[in-house]
Structures are given as C-alpha cells and as structure tokens.
Amino acid sequence: MNRAIAPTARFALNLMLDPNDRLLLLLRSENAKLGPSKWGLPAGKIEGNETPTEAALREMQEEIGFGHEIELQRYLGPIRDTYYGGQYELHLFHYSWFKGEVRLNEEHTAFAWVSKEEIRNYDVMHGIEEDIALLSLWPISYLNPERVPKATDSKD
C-alpha cells in the first residue's frame, strides 16, 4: 500500500470496554456499505473539518445514544487500514465504559458486550481484531490469527 497517496476516507472508531473487560459490538444492518450484517464498532466517517475526536463522539452519540459515562484511555492514529488496500485513514479511541444505556439507531440491529473468550464466535468486520491488537486491549491469542496482521503479532 502506498501511504503517500491521500486516503479516500477518514474514520473514527470507538473501542469501548466495560468494567468486565467486554467490548461493545454493534450488528450492522444488511444495507450497510461496509460490513453489511457483520459486527462492528460505534464508528464512522470523519466529516469536513471535523477533528477525529469530534467525529468519534458524534458517531458514538448517533449510533448508541447520549448520556454515557465513559473515559478515554488511549488514542492511536492516524493509521492506514490493512484490509481495504490502505485507502482509509483510521483513528482508534479506546474508552472505558462506566455506565449508560445503548440506544441503537437505524444503522444497527443489535448490540452485544463481548468478552475476549467470545470474540471468535462473532462474525466481525475485517479490521476489528487488528484494532484490538493495535490498542493491546486483549492478548492476541484470543483473536482470529488469520485476521491479525503479522506486524501486530508481538502485542501478546
């Protein structure tokens, strides 16, 4: 992938872990452009002059509602995707979730709090395991080894 080429889109992705070390996943609708009927994260495009942080918070509110008690633990970005040819610029936000109610919008049909032991049972979008590994949220031994690029293998 040629990182000198401008990205075709920029995305902010929210990886939220609850007090039980479970990750919030959202089931995308069958009409979604990226990852239809797959499990994904509260995430979306960074619009216009929006900062990655502004986009992350906006997408969170649009996709799971308002009034959550969260705390940013780590930010990683910008990085380029590895599953879509490096065309996307990604900004990863790791939050601790303390409380709140998930209220889905029309883009999603279900949500789940998923443990590291359960993640392999979910049909997640390409890149989710890589995001988990890049942020060192869980040991990679819990992730699908075919979906964790070799560059992140040392994060165990």
N, C-alpha and C. Protein backbone atom coordinates (compact mmCIF):
# COMPACT_ATOMS: atom_id res chain seq x y z
N MET A 1 0.84 -1.17 0.00
CA MET A 1 0.00 0.00 0.00
C MET A 1 0.89 1.23 0.00
N ASN A 2 0.46 2.23 -0.70
CA ASN A 2 1.25 3.46 -0.82
C ASN A 2 0.68 4.51 0.12
N ARG A 3 1.38 4.76 1.20
CA ARG A 3 0.89 5.73 2.20
C ARG A 3 1.04 7.18 1.73
N ALA A 4 1.76 7.38 0.63
CA ALA A 4 1.91 8.73 0.11
C ALA A 4 0.63 9.20 -0.57
N ILE A 5 -0.23 8.27 -0.96
CA ILE A 5 -1.49 8.62 -1.60
C ILE A 5 -2.48 9.05 -0.52
N ALA A 6 -3.22 10.11 -0.80
CA ALA A 6 -4.21 10.61 0.16
C ALA A 6 -5.29 9.56 0.39
N PRO A 7 -5.78 9.44 1.63
CA PRO A 7 -6.84 8.46 1.90
C PRO A 7 -8.14 8.85 1.20
N THR A 8 -8.93 7.83 0.83
CA THR A 8 -10.22 8.10 0.20
C THR A 8 -11.27 8.49 1.25
N ALA A 9 -11.04 8.10 2.50
CA ALA A 9 -11.93 8.48 3.60
C ALA A 9 -11.17 8.33 4.91
N ARG A 10 -11.65 9.07 5.92
CA ARG A 10 -11.07 9.01 7.26
C ARG A 10 -12.16 8.55 8.21
N PHE A 11 -11.80 7.64 9.13
CA PHE A 11 -12.78 7.08 10.05
C PHE A 11 -12.30 7.20 11.50
N ALA A 12 -13.26 7.42 12.40
CA ALA A 12 -13.02 7.38 13.85
C ALA A 12 -13.73 6.14 14.38
N LEU A 13 -12.98 5.31 15.11
CA LEU A 13 -13.52 4.05 15.64
C LEU A 13 -13.43 4.06 17.16
N ASN A 14 -14.54 3.70 17.80
CA ASN A 14 -14.62 3.67 19.26
C ASN A 14 -14.60 2.24 19.76
N LEU A 15 -13.56 1.91 20.51
CA LEU A 15 -13.46 0.59 21.15
C LEU A 15 -13.72 0.80 22.62
N MET A 16 -14.87 0.32 23.09
CA MET A 16 -15.31 0.56 24.47
C MET A 16 -15.29 -0.73 25.26
N LEU A 17 -14.59 -0.70 26.38
CA LEU A 17 -14.56 -1.85 27.28
C LEU A 17 -15.31 -1.50 28.56
N ASP A 18 -16.22 -2.40 28.95
CA ASP A 18 -16.96 -2.19 30.19
C ASP A 18 -16.13 -2.67 31.39
N PRO A 19 -16.63 -2.52 32.61
CA PRO A 19 -15.87 -2.94 33.80
C PRO A 19 -15.53 -4.43 33.83
N ASN A 20 -16.23 -5.24 33.02
CA ASN A 20 -15.94 -6.68 32.94
C ASN A 20 -15.02 -7.02 31.77
N ASP A 21 -14.35 -6.01 31.20
CA ASP A 21 -13.40 -6.19 30.10
C ASP A 21 -14.07 -6.74 28.84
N ARG A 22 -15.34 -6.35 28.63
CA ARG A 22 -16.07 -6.77 27.44
C ARG A 22 -16.14 -5.59 26.47
N LEU A 23 -16.04 -5.91 25.18
CA LEU A 23 -16.05 -4.92 24.11
C LEU A 23 -17.46 -4.75 23.56
N LEU A 24 -17.86 -3.50 23.35
CA LEU A 24 -19.17 -3.22 22.76
C LEU A 24 -19.09 -3.41 21.25
N LEU A 25 -19.93 -4.34 20.74
CA LEU A 25 -20.06 -4.56 19.30
C LEU A 25 -21.48 -4.25 18.87
N LEU A 26 -21.61 -3.71 17.65
CA LEU A 26 -22.90 -3.39 17.07
C LEU A 26 -23.09 -4.21 15.80
N LEU A 27 -24.26 -4.80 15.63
CA LEU A 27 -24.55 -5.57 14.42
C LEU A 27 -25.06 -4.60 13.35
N ARG A 28 -24.28 -4.50 12.27
CA ARG A 28 -24.60 -3.57 11.19
C ARG A 28 -25.78 -4.11 10.38
N SER A 29 -26.59 -3.19 9.86
CA SER A 29 -27.74 -3.60 9.07
C SER A 29 -27.28 -4.26 7.77
N GLU A 30 -28.17 -4.99 7.14
CA GLU A 30 -27.82 -5.67 5.89
C GLU A 30 -27.62 -4.68 4.75
N ASN A 31 -28.03 -3.42 4.93
CA ASN A 31 -27.88 -2.39 3.89
C ASN A 31 -26.61 -1.55 4.06
N ALA A 32 -25.79 -1.83 5.06
CA ALA A 32 -24.58 -1.04 5.31
C ALA A 32 -23.60 -1.18 4.13
N LYS A 33 -22.93 -0.06 3.79
CA LYS A 33 -21.96 -0.10 2.69
C LYS A 33 -20.75 -0.96 3.04
N LEU A 34 -20.19 -0.74 4.22
CA LEU A 34 -19.06 -1.53 4.70
C LEU A 34 -19.57 -2.52 5.75
N GLY A 35 -19.25 -3.77 5.59
CA GLY A 35 -19.58 -4.78 6.59
C GLY A 35 -21.05 -5.03 6.82
N PRO A 36 -21.87 -5.18 5.75
CA PRO A 36 -23.29 -5.46 6.00
C PRO A 36 -23.47 -6.77 6.76
N SER A 37 -24.37 -6.74 7.74
CA SER A 37 -24.71 -7.89 8.58
C SER A 37 -23.52 -8.44 9.37
N LYS A 38 -22.51 -7.62 9.58
CA LYS A 38 -21.35 -8.01 10.38
C LYS A 38 -21.36 -7.20 11.67
N TRP A 39 -20.62 -7.70 12.65
CA TRP A 39 -20.47 -6.98 13.92
C TRP A 39 -19.36 -5.95 13.77
N GLY A 40 -19.62 -4.74 14.20
CA GLY A 40 -18.64 -3.67 14.12
C GLY A 40 -18.62 -2.85 15.39
N LEU A 41 -18.00 -1.70 15.29
CA LEU A 41 -17.83 -0.79 16.42
C LEU A 41 -18.68 0.46 16.22
N PRO A 42 -18.95 1.21 17.29
CA PRO A 42 -19.52 2.54 17.09
C PRO A 42 -18.45 3.38 16.38
N ALA A 43 -18.70 3.68 15.12
CA ALA A 43 -17.66 4.31 14.31
C ALA A 43 -18.28 4.96 13.08
N GLY A 44 -17.47 5.77 12.41
CA GLY A 44 -17.95 6.37 11.17
C GLY A 44 -16.96 7.34 10.58
N LYS A 45 -17.37 7.91 9.46
CA LYS A 45 -16.52 8.84 8.71
C LYS A 45 -16.31 10.14 9.47
N ILE A 46 -15.11 10.65 9.31
CA ILE A 46 -14.78 11.99 9.81
C ILE A 46 -15.22 12.95 8.70
N GLU A 47 -16.10 13.87 9.04
CA GLU A 47 -16.69 14.76 8.04
C GLU A 47 -15.99 16.11 8.00
N GLY A 48 -15.86 16.66 6.79
CA GLY A 48 -15.37 18.02 6.57
C GLY A 48 -14.18 18.41 7.41
N ASN A 49 -14.34 19.46 8.18
CA ASN A 49 -13.26 19.98 9.04
C ASN A 49 -13.32 19.41 10.45
N GLU A 50 -14.07 18.37 10.65
CA GLU A 50 -14.21 17.74 11.95
C GLU A 50 -12.87 17.13 12.39
N THR A 51 -12.57 17.21 13.67
CA THR A 51 -11.39 16.52 14.19
C THR A 51 -11.75 15.06 14.41
N PRO A 52 -10.75 14.18 14.49
CA PRO A 52 -11.05 12.78 14.80
C PRO A 52 -11.83 12.62 16.11
N THR A 53 -11.47 13.39 17.13
CA THR A 53 -12.17 13.31 18.42
C THR A 53 -13.62 13.74 18.28
N GLU A 54 -13.87 14.83 17.56
CA GLU A 54 -15.25 15.29 17.35
C GLU A 54 -16.06 14.22 16.62
N ALA A 55 -15.45 13.60 15.61
CA ALA A 55 -16.14 12.55 14.86
C ALA A 55 -16.44 11.33 15.74
N ALA A 56 -15.47 10.94 16.55
CA ALA A 56 -15.66 9.79 17.43
C ALA A 56 -16.85 10.02 18.37
N LEU A 57 -16.91 11.19 18.97
CA LEU A 57 -18.00 11.49 19.90
C LEU A 57 -19.34 11.62 19.18
N ARG A 58 -19.34 12.25 18.00
CA ARG A 58 -20.58 12.37 17.23
C ARG A 58 -21.10 11.00 16.82
N GLU A 59 -20.22 10.16 16.30
CA GLU A 59 -20.64 8.82 15.88
C GLU A 59 -21.17 8.01 17.06
N MET A 60 -20.52 8.15 18.19
CA MET A 60 -20.97 7.45 19.38
C MET A 60 -22.41 7.87 19.72
N GLN A 61 -22.65 9.17 19.73
CA GLN A 61 -23.99 9.67 20.06
C GLN A 61 -25.02 9.24 19.02
N GLU A 62 -24.65 9.31 17.74
CA GLU A 62 -25.59 8.92 16.69
C GLU A 62 -25.93 7.43 16.76
N GLU A 63 -24.95 6.59 17.05
CA GLU A 63 -25.14 5.15 16.95
C GLU A 63 -25.60 4.47 18.23
N ILE A 64 -25.25 5.02 19.40
CA ILE A 64 -25.65 4.36 20.65
C ILE A 64 -26.32 5.30 21.65
N GLY A 65 -26.58 6.54 21.26
CA GLY A 65 -27.30 7.46 22.11
C GLY A 65 -26.41 8.35 22.96
N PHE A 66 -27.05 9.07 23.88
CA PHE A 66 -26.39 10.07 24.72
C PHE A 66 -26.33 9.61 26.18
N GLY A 67 -25.57 10.35 26.96
CA GLY A 67 -25.59 10.20 28.41
C GLY A 67 -24.77 9.07 28.99
N HIS A 68 -23.77 8.60 28.26
CA HIS A 68 -22.93 7.52 28.78
C HIS A 68 -21.80 8.09 29.63
N GLU A 69 -21.44 7.35 30.65
CA GLU A 69 -20.26 7.71 31.43
C GLU A 69 -19.09 6.90 30.90
N ILE A 70 -18.17 7.60 30.24
CA ILE A 70 -17.02 6.96 29.61
C ILE A 70 -15.77 7.77 29.92
N GLU A 71 -14.61 7.15 29.72
CA GLU A 71 -13.35 7.87 29.91
C GLU A 71 -12.36 7.38 28.86
N LEU A 72 -11.76 8.32 28.14
CA LEU A 72 -10.77 7.97 27.14
C LEU A 72 -9.52 7.41 27.81
N GLN A 73 -9.12 6.22 27.37
CA GLN A 73 -7.91 5.58 27.90
C GLN A 73 -6.72 5.75 26.97
N ARG A 74 -7.00 5.68 25.66
CA ARG A 74 -5.90 5.73 24.70
C ARG A 74 -6.43 6.13 23.33
N TYR A 75 -5.59 6.86 22.61
CA TYR A 75 -5.87 7.23 21.23
C TYR A 75 -4.71 6.76 20.37
N LEU A 76 -5.01 6.22 19.19
CA LEU A 76 -3.98 5.80 18.25
C LEU A 76 -4.38 6.26 16.86
N GLY A 77 -3.53 7.04 16.22
CA GLY A 77 -3.84 7.48 14.87
C GLY A 77 -2.97 8.64 14.46
N PRO A 78 -3.00 8.97 13.20
CA PRO A 78 -3.69 8.23 12.15
C PRO A 78 -2.88 7.00 11.73
N ILE A 79 -3.62 5.96 11.37
CA ILE A 79 -3.01 4.76 10.80
C ILE A 79 -3.79 4.43 9.53
N ARG A 80 -3.21 3.60 8.67
CA ARG A 80 -3.90 3.17 7.46
C ARG A 80 -4.44 1.76 7.66
N ASP A 81 -5.59 1.50 7.06
CA ASP A 81 -6.19 0.16 7.15
C ASP A 81 -5.30 -0.84 6.41
N THR A 82 -5.45 -2.11 6.74
CA THR A 82 -4.72 -3.16 6.03
C THR A 82 -5.66 -4.05 5.23
N TYR A 83 -6.96 -4.00 5.49
CA TYR A 83 -7.90 -4.89 4.82
C TYR A 83 -8.58 -4.30 3.60
N TYR A 84 -8.47 -3.02 3.39
CA TYR A 84 -9.13 -2.37 2.26
C TYR A 84 -8.11 -1.66 1.37
N GLY A 85 -6.89 -2.19 1.35
CA GLY A 85 -5.87 -1.67 0.45
C GLY A 85 -5.20 -0.38 0.90
N GLY A 86 -5.35 -0.04 2.16
CA GLY A 86 -4.71 1.18 2.68
C GLY A 86 -5.39 2.46 2.24
N GLN A 87 -6.61 2.35 1.75
CA GLN A 87 -7.29 3.54 1.25
C GLN A 87 -7.92 4.39 2.36
N TYR A 88 -8.06 3.82 3.57
CA TYR A 88 -8.71 4.55 4.66
C TYR A 88 -7.71 4.95 5.75
N GLU A 89 -7.91 6.14 6.29
CA GLU A 89 -7.15 6.60 7.45
C GLU A 89 -8.02 6.33 8.68
N LEU A 90 -7.43 5.68 9.67
CA LEU A 90 -8.17 5.29 10.87
C LEU A 90 -7.65 6.01 12.10
N HIS A 91 -8.57 6.34 12.99
CA HIS A 91 -8.26 6.93 14.29
C HIS A 91 -8.98 6.07 15.32
N LEU A 92 -8.20 5.42 16.19
CA LEU A 92 -8.75 4.49 17.17
C LEU A 92 -8.84 5.15 18.54
N PHE A 93 -10.00 5.02 19.17
CA PHE A 93 -10.24 5.58 20.50
C PHE A 93 -10.64 4.43 21.43
N HIS A 94 -9.84 4.22 22.48
CA HIS A 94 -10.17 3.20 23.48
C HIS A 94 -10.79 3.92 24.68
N TYR A 95 -12.03 3.57 24.99
CA TYR A 95 -12.75 4.15 26.12
C TYR A 95 -13.05 3.09 27.16
N SER A 96 -13.04 3.50 28.40
CA SER A 96 -13.63 2.70 29.49
C SER A 96 -15.08 3.14 29.61
N TRP A 97 -15.99 2.20 29.66
CA TRP A 97 -17.43 2.44 29.80
C TRP A 97 -17.80 2.19 31.25
N PHE A 98 -18.37 3.18 31.91
CA PHE A 98 -18.76 3.02 33.30
C PHE A 98 -20.26 2.76 33.45
N LYS A 99 -21.06 3.51 32.70
CA LYS A 99 -22.49 3.23 32.71
C LYS A 99 -23.19 3.99 31.60
N GLY A 100 -24.41 3.56 31.35
CA GLY A 100 -25.22 4.16 30.31
C GLY A 100 -26.06 3.10 29.63
N GLU A 101 -26.98 3.56 28.81
CA GLU A 101 -27.87 2.66 28.08
C GLU A 101 -27.56 2.76 26.59
N VAL A 102 -27.40 1.62 25.94
CA VAL A 102 -27.17 1.60 24.49
C VAL A 102 -28.52 1.72 23.80
N ARG A 103 -28.68 2.77 23.00
CA ARG A 103 -29.89 3.00 22.22
C ARG A 103 -29.48 3.08 20.76
N LEU A 104 -29.73 2.00 20.02
CA LEU A 104 -29.27 1.88 18.63
C LEU A 104 -30.06 2.77 17.68
N ASN A 105 -29.36 3.25 16.65
CA ASN A 105 -30.04 3.94 15.57
C ASN A 105 -30.37 2.93 14.47
N GLU A 106 -30.88 3.42 13.34
CA GLU A 106 -31.32 2.54 12.26
C GLU A 106 -30.18 1.84 11.53
N GLU A 107 -28.93 2.24 11.76
CA GLU A 107 -27.79 1.60 11.10
C GLU A 107 -27.46 0.23 11.69
N HIS A 108 -28.00 -0.06 12.86
CA HIS A 108 -27.66 -1.30 13.56
C HIS A 108 -28.92 -2.01 14.02
N THR A 109 -28.81 -3.35 14.14
CA THR A 109 -29.98 -4.14 14.53
C THR A 109 -29.84 -4.80 15.90
N ALA A 110 -28.64 -4.81 16.46
CA ALA A 110 -28.42 -5.43 17.77
C ALA A 110 -27.08 -4.94 18.32
N PHE A 111 -26.88 -5.18 19.61
CA PHE A 111 -25.59 -4.90 20.22
C PHE A 111 -25.26 -6.01 21.19
N ALA A 112 -23.96 -6.13 21.50
CA ALA A 112 -23.52 -7.15 22.44
C ALA A 112 -22.26 -6.67 23.14
N TRP A 113 -22.15 -7.00 24.41
CA TRP A 113 -20.91 -6.81 25.16
C TRP A 113 -20.18 -8.15 25.09
N VAL A 114 -19.05 -8.17 24.43
CA VAL A 114 -18.36 -9.40 24.06
C VAL A 114 -17.04 -9.53 24.81
N SER A 115 -16.84 -10.67 25.44
CA SER A 115 -15.58 -10.92 26.16
C SER A 115 -14.51 -11.42 25.19
N LYS A 116 -13.28 -11.39 25.64
CA LYS A 116 -12.18 -11.89 24.81
C LYS A 116 -12.36 -13.37 24.50
N GLU A 117 -12.99 -14.10 25.41
CA GLU A 117 -13.24 -15.52 25.18
C GLU A 117 -14.34 -15.76 24.13
N GLU A 118 -15.19 -14.77 23.91
CA GLU A 118 -16.32 -14.92 22.98
C GLU A 118 -16.08 -14.32 21.60
N ILE A 119 -15.07 -13.48 21.44
CA ILE A 119 -14.90 -12.70 20.21
C ILE A 119 -14.84 -13.56 18.96
N ARG A 120 -14.25 -14.73 19.04
CA ARG A 120 -14.14 -15.60 17.86
C ARG A 120 -15.50 -16.14 17.40
N ASN A 121 -16.50 -16.06 18.25
CA ASN A 121 -17.84 -16.53 17.90
C ASN A 121 -18.65 -15.49 17.12
N TYR A 122 -18.10 -14.30 16.94
CA TYR A 122 -18.80 -13.22 16.27
C TYR A 122 -18.22 -12.99 14.88
N ASP A 123 -19.10 -12.79 13.91
CA ASP A 123 -18.68 -12.50 12.54
C ASP A 123 -18.43 -10.99 12.44
N VAL A 124 -17.21 -10.60 12.83
CA VAL A 124 -16.87 -9.18 12.89
C VAL A 124 -16.34 -8.68 11.56
N MET A 125 -16.45 -7.37 11.36
CA MET A 125 -15.90 -6.73 10.17
C MET A 125 -14.39 -6.94 10.12
N HIS A 126 -13.85 -6.96 8.92
CA HIS A 126 -12.40 -7.01 8.78
C HIS A 126 -11.81 -5.79 9.47
N GLY A 127 -10.73 -6.01 10.21
CA GLY A 127 -10.04 -4.92 10.88
C GLY A 127 -10.30 -4.84 12.37
N ILE A 128 -11.40 -5.42 12.85
CA ILE A 128 -11.73 -5.32 14.27
C ILE A 128 -10.64 -5.98 15.13
N GLU A 129 -10.24 -7.20 14.76
CA GLU A 129 -9.19 -7.88 15.53
C GLU A 129 -7.88 -7.09 15.49
N GLU A 130 -7.58 -6.53 14.33
CA GLU A 130 -6.37 -5.72 14.22
C GLU A 130 -6.44 -4.50 15.14
N ASP A 131 -7.59 -3.84 15.19
CA ASP A 131 -7.76 -2.69 16.08
C ASP A 131 -7.55 -3.08 17.54
N ILE A 132 -8.11 -4.22 17.94
CA ILE A 132 -7.95 -4.72 19.30
C ILE A 132 -6.47 -4.97 19.60
N ALA A 133 -5.77 -5.58 18.63
CA ALA A 133 -4.35 -5.87 18.81
C ALA A 133 -3.51 -4.59 18.86
N LEU A 134 -3.80 -3.64 17.98
CA LEU A 134 -3.04 -2.40 17.93
C LEU A 134 -3.15 -1.62 19.25
N LEU A 135 -4.32 -1.66 19.85
CA LEU A 135 -4.53 -0.97 21.13
C LEU A 135 -4.15 -1.83 22.33
N SER A 136 -3.72 -3.07 22.07
CA SER A 136 -3.35 -4.02 23.13
C SER A 136 -4.47 -4.19 24.16
N LEU A 137 -5.71 -4.28 23.67
CA LEU A 137 -6.84 -4.44 24.58
C LEU A 137 -6.87 -5.83 25.19
N TRP A 138 -6.61 -6.85 24.36
CA TRP A 138 -6.62 -8.23 24.80
C TRP A 138 -5.41 -8.93 24.20
N PRO A 139 -4.94 -10.01 24.81
CA PRO A 139 -3.87 -10.80 24.18
C PRO A 139 -4.33 -11.34 22.83
N ILE A 140 -3.46 -11.34 21.84
CA ILE A 140 -3.87 -11.76 20.50
C ILE A 140 -4.22 -13.24 20.44
N SER A 141 -3.85 -14.01 21.44
CA SER A 141 -4.21 -15.43 21.45
C SER A 141 -5.73 -15.63 21.45
N TYR A 142 -6.51 -14.62 21.82
CA TYR A 142 -7.97 -14.70 21.82
C TYR A 142 -8.56 -14.33 20.46
N LEU A 143 -7.75 -13.75 19.57
CA LEU A 143 -8.24 -13.24 18.30
C LEU A 143 -8.03 -14.25 17.18
N ASN A 144 -8.76 -14.09 16.11
CA ASN A 144 -8.61 -14.94 14.94
C ASN A 144 -7.23 -14.67 14.33
N PRO A 145 -6.32 -15.64 14.35
CA PRO A 145 -4.95 -15.40 13.87
C PRO A 145 -4.87 -15.01 12.40
N GLU A 146 -5.86 -15.40 11.61
CA GLU A 146 -5.88 -15.05 10.19
C GLU A 146 -6.26 -13.59 9.98
N ARG A 147 -6.76 -12.94 11.03
CA ARG A 147 -7.20 -11.55 10.89
C ARG A 147 -6.34 -10.57 11.70
N VAL A 148 -5.23 -11.05 12.22
CA VAL A 148 -4.30 -10.17 12.92
C VAL A 148 -3.03 -10.12 12.08
N PRO A 149 -2.79 -9.00 11.41
CA PRO A 149 -1.59 -8.91 10.57
C PRO A 149 -0.32 -9.19 11.36
N LYS A 150 0.65 -9.75 10.68
CA LYS A 150 1.92 -10.13 11.32
C LYS A 150 2.57 -8.97 12.05
N ALA A 151 2.38 -7.75 11.59
CA ALA A 151 3.01 -6.58 12.23
C ALA A 151 2.54 -6.39 13.66
N THR A 152 1.37 -6.93 14.01
CA THR A 152 0.84 -6.75 15.37
C THR A 152 1.02 -8.00 16.22
N ASP A 153 1.62 -9.04 15.67
CA ASP A 153 1.77 -10.30 16.41
C ASP A 153 2.55 -10.18 17.71
N SER A 154 3.41 -9.19 17.84
CA SER A 154 4.24 -9.06 19.04
C SER A 154 3.50 -8.45 20.22
N LYS A 155 2.22 -8.16 20.09
CA LYS A 155 1.48 -7.49 21.14
C LYS A 155 0.88 -8.46 22.16
N ASP A 156 1.32 -9.70 22.19
CA ASP A 156 0.76 -10.67 23.12
C ASP A 156 1.39 -10.58 24.49
